[in-house]
Amino acid sequence: MKVQILSGVMIRGTAVFPKTGEGKNAVDSIVDVTKAEARDLVQAGQAKVAAKGAKNNIEIKEPEAEADELDKFFGEDDEPEE
């Protein structure tokens, strides 16, 4: 579901602000979120449902597993679990 962001918010670890771009090129931030996320954002006054023809101008990426990359860098955990 597409929503227009009205105030700064974190969505799945990504900071989203009401406007995208700078100066005269600034446009309203439109993001595609789940219906549950949209409901929460609208009820909190942080977003409103976007117009039907609105296009996404911000892509929210799923957070990647950081633990795997850290394990590769530091090696496996040698300590036994309690």
Protein backbone atom coordinates (compact mmCIF):
# COMPACT_ATOMS: atom_id res chain seq x y z
CA MET A 1 0.00 0.00 0.00
CA LYS A 2 1.39 3.41 -0.94
CA VAL A 3 1.56 6.14 1.68
CA GLN A 4 2.82 9.71 1.72
CA ILE A 5 5.11 10.42 4.67
CA LEU A 6 4.10 13.47 6.73
CA SER A 7 6.80 13.37 9.42
CA GLY A 8 10.17 11.65 9.75
CA VAL A 9 9.84 7.93 10.46
CA MET A 10 11.90 4.74 10.51
CA ILE A 11 10.59 1.98 8.24
CA ARG A 12 12.40 -1.36 8.53
CA GLY A 13 15.60 0.40 9.58
CA THR A 14 15.46 3.09 6.88
CA ALA A 15 14.93 6.74 7.82
CA VAL A 16 12.23 8.35 5.65
CA PHE A 17 11.55 12.09 5.65
CA PRO A 18 8.53 14.04 4.32
CA LYS A 19 10.41 15.47 1.33
CA THR A 20 12.87 13.82 -1.04
CA GLY A 21 15.37 15.96 -2.91
CA GLU A 22 16.60 19.47 -2.28
CA GLY A 23 15.34 22.98 -2.99
CA LYS A 24 13.05 23.28 -6.00
CA ASN A 25 13.52 19.57 -6.77
CA ALA A 26 11.99 18.46 -3.45
CA VAL A 27 8.99 16.16 -3.82
CA ASP A 28 6.70 14.42 -1.33
CA SER A 29 8.02 11.06 -0.12
CA ILE A 30 5.86 8.17 -1.31
CA VAL A 31 6.70 4.65 -0.09
CA ASP A 32 5.16 1.22 -0.57
CA VAL A 33 4.55 -0.57 2.75
CA THR A 34 2.41 -3.42 4.02
CA LYS A 35 -1.18 -2.67 4.99
CA ALA A 36 -0.32 -3.19 8.66
CA GLU A 37 2.58 -0.73 8.48
CA ALA A 38 0.39 1.75 6.59
CA ARG A 39 -2.34 1.49 9.21
CA ASP A 40 0.14 2.12 12.03
CA LEU A 41 1.72 5.10 10.25
CA VAL A 42 -1.65 6.68 9.42
CA GLN A 43 -3.03 6.17 12.94
CA ALA A 44 0.12 7.78 14.39
CA GLY A 45 -0.26 10.79 12.08
CA GLN A 46 3.07 10.09 10.39
CA ALA A 47 1.61 9.31 6.95
CA LYS A 48 -1.51 9.49 4.82
CA VAL A 49 -2.73 7.20 2.06
CA ALA A 50 -1.17 8.32 -1.24
CA ALA A 51 -3.22 9.23 -4.30
CA LYS A 52 -4.07 6.31 -6.59
CA GLY A 53 -1.75 7.45 -9.38
CA ALA A 54 1.19 8.20 -7.08
CA LYS A 55 4.50 6.52 -7.86
CA ASN A 56 7.02 5.34 -5.28
CA ASN A 57 10.02 7.62 -5.03
CA ILE A 58 11.67 5.86 -2.09
CA GLU A 59 12.55 2.17 -2.04
CA ILE A 60 12.67 0.44 1.34
CA LYS A 61 15.10 -2.48 1.24
CA GLU A 62 14.86 -5.41 3.60
CA PRO A 63 17.61 -5.34 6.21
CA GLU A 64 20.34 -7.89 5.55
CA ALA A 65 21.63 -10.27 8.14
CA GLU A 66 24.61 -8.50 9.64
CA ALA A 67 25.58 -11.43 11.85
CA ASP A 68 26.70 -13.50 8.85
CA GLU A 69 29.02 -10.76 7.60
CA LEU A 70 30.41 -10.19 11.09
CA ASP A 71 31.07 -13.93 11.48
CA LYS A 72 32.98 -13.93 8.19
CA PHE A 73 35.09 -10.99 9.34
CA PHE A 74 35.77 -12.08 12.92
CA GLY A 75 35.50 -15.84 12.52
CA GLU A 76 33.18 -18.24 14.28
CA ASP A 77 32.35 -17.81 17.95
CA ASP A 78 34.69 -20.03 19.97
CA GLU A 79 32.95 -19.50 23.29
CA PRO A 80 30.48 -22.17 24.42
CA GLU A 81 26.91 -21.04 24.90
CA GLU A 82 25.51 -21.07 28.42
